[in-house]
Amino acid sequence: MTGQFPRLVPSMSPPKYVAKHRYFHIVGGAVWEATEPMENSWHVHFVGMLGDCAVWAVDVPYGLDPADGAAIDLFSYYDRAEESEWLAAGRAVQLVEWARTHRFCGRCGTPTERAGNERAMRCPSCALSAFPRLAPAMITLVTRGANGPDQEVLLGRGVAWKMPMYSCLAGFVEPGETLEEAVVREVHEEVGVIVRDVHYVHSQPWPFPHSLMLGFRATYDHGDIVCDPSEILDAQWFRRDDMPMIPPGISIARSLIGDWLAGN
């Protein structure tokens, strides 16, 4: 990814002038691109603009595959696309999945309809509106010691991970808490230590299936590592000259760790 591609500008509808169109067909949770919808009766969602190009998401009905097996998952697509294209494809998958799972009102069960003035599925009976779901999750790099060759970071290995990879600690934000409080709570729940000096770094859309990853740095305060066995297989402190396998570039965890490895 070069990062020089036009940025995705999300929108409800395309502008008057559009030079070209791109259609991401969503087959299950995989994507396949074409220059037009393969079937005009399939539901279409406007994703946004990539420069002067309008991007659309096409909801391929269950059991059908216009790609004949050529559709690829978002992880694989990351290595074949520019960052903005990957973000557009991720947004396409999320919009289609949202519409698929909100066909009926969660309050009264009436079939929903698309709202005309906002991105929502609205119940014509009780007026309940369902907006695209977004689950905020914090991810944090915890450091111990003064910045320098002896400084360490706390990384954990998830119980479900097949590879011996270590990464930053992460977890979903609970109702009623701030992002900073979520960092402190999740780190303590997962590995038993207490952190302080929590500060925000940057964020990343994470369409697996509909998260927004919010990256933080935090400083170790006190406590010994005691892993939650239901989530963390192992957690350790690592120096810059003795790092384990870390996540690939698709993840915000890699940028948080990479920034620290660069001496920041």
Protein backbone atom coordinates (compact mmCIF):
# COMPACT_ATOMS: atom_id res chain seq x y z
CA MET A 1 0.00 0.00 0.00
CA THR A 2 1.41 3.34 -1.03
CA GLY A 3 -1.09 5.59 0.74
CA GLN A 4 -1.11 7.96 -2.31
CA PHE A 5 -4.54 6.82 -3.51
CA PRO A 6 -7.50 9.25 -3.06
CA ARG A 7 -9.05 9.02 0.38
CA LEU A 8 -12.50 7.51 0.80
CA VAL A 9 -15.18 10.13 1.51
CA PRO A 10 -18.23 8.32 2.97
CA SER A 11 -21.59 9.69 1.88
CA MET A 12 -25.28 8.86 1.59
CA SER A 13 -25.49 9.57 -2.16
CA PRO A 14 -23.11 10.41 -5.02
CA PRO A 15 -22.55 13.99 -6.23
CA LYS A 16 -23.83 15.24 -9.58
CA TYR A 17 -20.55 14.62 -11.34
CA VAL A 18 -19.13 11.09 -11.26
CA ALA A 19 -16.43 9.99 -13.69
CA LYS A 20 -16.78 6.26 -13.08
CA HIS A 21 -18.27 3.64 -10.77
CA ARG A 22 -16.95 0.65 -8.83
CA TYR A 23 -19.20 -2.07 -7.45
CA PHE A 24 -18.08 -4.28 -4.59
CA HIS A 25 -20.25 -7.39 -4.69
CA ILE A 26 -20.51 -8.85 -1.19
CA VAL A 27 -20.65 -12.64 -1.36
CA GLY A 28 -21.22 -13.77 2.21
CA GLY A 29 -18.50 -11.66 3.82
CA ALA A 30 -16.11 -11.71 0.86
CA VAL A 31 -15.72 -9.08 -1.86
CA TRP A 32 -15.61 -9.22 -5.65
CA GLU A 33 -15.41 -6.13 -7.82
CA ALA A 34 -17.15 -5.36 -11.10
CA THR A 35 -17.89 -2.26 -13.18
CA GLU A 36 -21.66 -2.74 -12.81
CA PRO A 37 -24.08 -4.76 -10.66
CA MET A 38 -24.37 -8.29 -11.96
CA GLU A 39 -28.10 -8.25 -11.27
CA ASN A 40 -30.25 -5.11 -11.15
CA SER A 41 -32.68 -6.59 -8.61
CA TRP A 42 -30.00 -6.96 -5.92
CA HIS A 43 -29.91 -4.37 -3.13
CA VAL A 44 -27.25 -1.67 -3.63
CA HIS A 45 -25.76 0.72 -1.05
CA PHE A 46 -23.74 3.82 -1.84
CA VAL A 47 -20.40 3.61 -0.02
CA GLY A 48 -18.74 6.94 -0.87
CA MET A 49 -16.34 8.63 -3.25
CA LEU A 50 -12.75 7.73 -4.11
CA GLY A 51 -11.73 10.88 -5.93
CA ASP A 52 -14.17 11.17 -8.83
CA CYS A 53 -15.16 7.50 -8.60
CA ALA A 54 -18.43 6.45 -6.95
CA VAL A 55 -18.15 3.25 -4.90
CA TRP A 56 -21.12 0.97 -4.32
CA ALA A 57 -21.84 -2.17 -2.30
CA VAL A 58 -23.97 -4.88 -3.89
CA ASP A 59 -25.71 -7.37 -1.61
CA VAL A 60 -25.45 -10.74 -3.34
CA PRO A 61 -28.33 -12.97 -2.15
CA TYR A 62 -27.48 -16.02 -0.08
CA GLY A 63 -26.46 -19.02 -2.17
CA LEU A 64 -25.51 -17.03 -5.25
CA ASP A 65 -21.97 -16.28 -6.42
CA PRO A 66 -21.47 -14.11 -9.50
CA ALA A 67 -17.72 -14.34 -8.93
CA ASP A 68 -17.67 -18.14 -9.37
CA GLY A 69 -15.44 -18.51 -6.33
CA ALA A 70 -13.20 -15.53 -7.06
CA ALA A 71 -14.46 -13.36 -4.17
CA ILE A 72 -11.83 -12.87 -1.46
CA ASP A 73 -11.99 -12.02 2.23
CA LEU A 74 -10.95 -8.61 3.51
CA PHE A 75 -7.71 -9.92 5.00
CA SER A 76 -6.59 -11.16 1.57
CA TYR A 77 -7.83 -8.04 -0.18
CA TYR A 78 -5.63 -5.87 2.04
CA ASP A 79 -2.47 -7.11 0.30
CA ARG A 80 -3.93 -6.43 -3.16
CA ALA A 81 -5.35 -2.93 -2.70
CA GLU A 82 -4.50 0.60 -1.70
CA GLU A 83 -5.50 1.58 1.83
CA SER A 84 -8.47 3.67 0.66
CA GLU A 85 -9.71 0.81 -1.51
CA TRP A 86 -9.49 -1.56 1.45
CA LEU A 87 -11.37 0.89 3.65
CA ALA A 88 -14.04 1.24 0.97
CA ALA A 89 -14.38 -2.54 0.69
CA GLY A 90 -14.60 -2.83 4.47
CA ARG A 91 -17.30 -0.17 4.60
CA ALA A 92 -19.16 -2.00 1.81
CA VAL A 93 -19.13 -5.26 3.78
CA GLN A 94 -20.31 -3.52 6.95
CA LEU A 95 -23.18 -1.72 5.22
CA VAL A 96 -24.41 -4.88 3.53
CA GLU A 97 -24.17 -6.91 6.73
CA TRP A 98 -26.01 -4.18 8.66
CA ALA A 99 -28.88 -4.19 6.14
CA ARG A 100 -29.03 -7.98 6.14
CA THR A 101 -29.34 -8.18 9.92
CA HIS A 102 -31.87 -5.34 10.33
CA ARG A 103 -34.59 -6.43 7.92
CA PHE A 104 -37.07 -6.57 10.78
CA CYS A 105 -37.78 -4.19 13.63
CA GLY A 106 -36.10 -5.22 16.88
CA ARG A 107 -39.04 -3.84 18.86
CA CYS A 108 -42.17 -5.07 17.06
CA GLY A 109 -40.94 -7.39 14.30
CA THR A 110 -42.35 -5.39 11.39
CA PRO A 111 -40.27 -5.47 8.17
CA THR A 112 -38.10 -2.35 8.04
CA GLU A 113 -37.65 0.16 5.25
CA ARG A 114 -34.67 2.28 4.24
CA ALA A 115 -34.90 5.83 5.53
CA GLY A 116 -34.72 8.42 2.80
CA ASN A 117 -32.82 11.14 4.64
CA GLU A 118 -30.26 9.20 6.69
CA ARG A 119 -28.42 5.90 6.84
CA ALA A 120 -31.01 3.96 8.80
CA MET A 121 -33.46 1.08 8.58
CA ARG A 122 -36.75 2.40 9.90
CA CYS A 123 -39.83 0.59 11.15
CA PRO A 124 -43.00 1.89 9.44
CA SER A 125 -45.07 0.64 12.37
CA CYS A 126 -43.37 1.95 15.53
CA ALA A 127 -40.81 4.35 13.94
CA LEU A 128 -37.79 2.66 15.55
CA SER A 129 -34.62 3.44 13.56
CA ALA A 130 -31.63 1.11 13.36
CA PHE A 131 -28.34 2.71 12.34
CA PRO A 132 -25.17 0.92 11.14
CA ARG A 133 -23.62 -0.82 14.09
CA LEU A 134 -20.20 0.33 15.27
CA ALA A 135 -18.47 -1.31 18.24
CA PRO A 136 -15.71 0.87 19.77
CA ALA A 137 -12.76 -1.12 21.08
CA MET A 138 -9.62 0.11 22.75
CA ILE A 139 -6.19 -1.32 21.97
CA THR A 140 -3.20 -0.23 24.01
CA LEU A 141 0.55 -0.57 24.14
CA VAL A 142 1.75 -0.63 27.74
CA THR A 143 5.37 0.41 28.43
CA ARG A 144 7.52 -0.04 31.53
CA GLY A 145 10.59 2.01 32.35
CA ALA A 146 12.15 5.12 30.86
CA ASN A 147 12.44 5.37 27.09
CA GLY A 148 15.68 3.74 26.03
CA PRO A 149 17.23 0.33 25.35
CA ASP A 150 15.93 -1.11 28.62
CA GLN A 151 12.31 -0.02 28.19
CA GLU A 152 9.84 -2.88 27.81
CA VAL A 153 6.37 -3.36 26.36
CA LEU A 154 3.65 -5.68 27.60
CA LEU A 155 2.31 -7.98 24.88
CA GLY A 156 -0.13 -10.86 25.10
CA ARG A 157 -0.99 -13.94 23.10
CA GLY A 158 -4.70 -14.70 22.64
CA VAL A 159 -6.01 -18.15 23.46
CA ALA A 160 -7.61 -18.54 20.01
CA TRP A 161 -4.54 -17.55 18.00
CA LYS A 162 -3.07 -20.37 15.94
CA MET A 163 0.32 -18.73 15.49
CA PRO A 164 2.72 -17.92 18.39
CA MET A 165 2.08 -14.20 17.90
CA TYR A 166 2.04 -11.51 20.59
CA SER A 167 0.16 -8.24 20.33
CA CYS A 168 -1.20 -5.23 22.20
CA LEU A 169 -3.99 -5.73 24.69
CA ALA A 170 -7.48 -4.90 23.45
CA GLY A 171 -11.11 -5.02 24.44
CA PHE A 172 -14.52 -3.47 23.87
CA VAL A 173 -15.70 -0.33 25.59
CA GLU A 174 -18.54 -0.90 28.06
CA PRO A 175 -21.60 1.37 28.38
CA GLY A 176 -21.03 4.15 30.89
CA GLU A 177 -17.23 4.28 30.78
CA THR A 178 -14.73 6.54 29.05
CA LEU A 179 -12.17 5.22 26.60
CA GLU A 180 -9.40 5.81 29.15
CA GLU A 181 -11.33 3.90 31.78
CA ALA A 182 -11.78 1.05 29.31
CA VAL A 183 -8.00 0.88 28.82
CA VAL A 184 -7.34 0.62 32.56
CA ARG A 185 -10.10 -1.94 33.08
CA GLU A 186 -9.26 -4.19 30.12
CA VAL A 187 -5.54 -4.32 30.89
CA HIS A 188 -6.28 -5.24 34.50
CA GLU A 189 -8.88 -7.83 33.53
CA GLU A 190 -6.70 -9.49 30.92
CA VAL A 191 -3.27 -9.52 32.57
CA GLY A 192 -3.74 -8.26 36.14
CA VAL A 193 -1.56 -5.13 36.05
CA ILE A 194 -2.52 -1.51 36.72
CA VAL A 195 -1.64 1.23 34.21
CA ARG A 196 -1.62 5.03 34.30
CA ASP A 197 -0.90 7.99 31.99
CA VAL A 198 -3.30 6.72 29.34
CA HIS A 199 -3.23 8.78 26.15
CA TYR A 200 -4.81 8.43 22.74
CA VAL A 201 -2.65 7.81 19.64
CA HIS A 202 -4.86 7.11 16.60
CA SER A 203 -7.72 4.95 15.35
CA GLN A 204 -8.51 2.41 12.63
CA PRO A 205 -11.77 1.13 11.12
CA TRP A 206 -11.79 -2.63 11.67
CA PRO A 207 -14.54 -4.39 9.66
CA PHE A 208 -14.30 -7.74 11.50
CA PRO A 209 -17.20 -7.41 11.70
CA HIS A 210 -17.91 -3.78 12.68
CA SER A 211 -15.38 -2.36 15.12
CA LEU A 212 -13.57 0.93 15.45
CA MET A 213 -10.17 0.34 17.02
CA LEU A 214 -8.98 3.22 19.21
CA GLY A 215 -5.23 3.07 19.81
CA PHE A 216 -3.67 4.15 23.10
CA ARG A 217 -0.37 4.17 24.95
CA ALA A 218 -0.22 3.62 28.71
CA THR A 219 2.44 3.39 31.39
CA TYR A 220 2.83 0.47 33.80
CA ASP A 221 2.09 1.43 37.40
CA HIS A 222 2.16 -1.73 39.48
CA GLY A 223 1.13 -5.38 39.70
CA ASP A 224 2.28 -8.78 38.50
CA ILE A 225 1.13 -10.48 35.31
CA VAL A 226 -1.82 -12.77 35.99
CA CYS A 227 -3.47 -13.79 32.72
CA ASP A 228 -7.21 -14.29 32.31
CA PRO A 229 -7.15 -17.91 31.03
CA SER A 230 -10.33 -17.41 29.03
CA GLU A 231 -8.69 -14.72 26.86
CA ILE A 232 -4.90 -14.62 27.25
CA LEU A 233 -2.70 -17.68 26.83
CA ASP A 234 0.47 -15.84 27.79
CA ALA A 235 1.70 -12.29 28.42
CA GLN A 236 5.27 -11.06 28.80
CA TRP A 237 7.44 -7.96 28.90
CA PHE A 238 9.64 -7.53 25.82
CA ARG A 239 12.61 -5.30 25.03
CA ARG A 240 13.26 -3.84 21.58
CA ASP A 241 16.15 -6.26 21.02
CA ASP A 242 14.16 -9.36 21.99
CA MET A 243 10.75 -9.14 20.28
CA PRO A 244 8.41 -12.04 19.49
CA MET A 245 6.30 -12.48 16.38
CA ILE A 246 4.02 -9.43 16.13
CA PRO A 247 0.88 -8.70 14.05
CA PRO A 248 1.08 -7.92 10.31
CA GLY A 249 0.68 -4.44 8.85
CA ILE A 250 -3.10 -4.70 8.47
CA SER A 251 -3.55 -4.17 12.21
CA ILE A 252 -3.29 -0.96 14.21
CA ALA A 253 -1.36 -3.06 16.73
CA ARG A 254 1.52 -3.23 14.26
CA SER A 255 1.69 0.56 13.94
CA LEU A 256 1.57 1.03 17.73
CA ILE A 257 4.38 -1.48 18.22
CA GLY A 258 6.30 -0.22 15.20
CA ASP A 259 6.21 3.35 16.48
CA TRP A 260 7.68 2.18 19.79
CA LEU A 261 10.32 0.08 18.05
CA ALA A 262 11.36 3.22 16.18
CA GLY A 263 12.16 4.84 19.49
CA ASN A 264 8.99 6.86 20.07
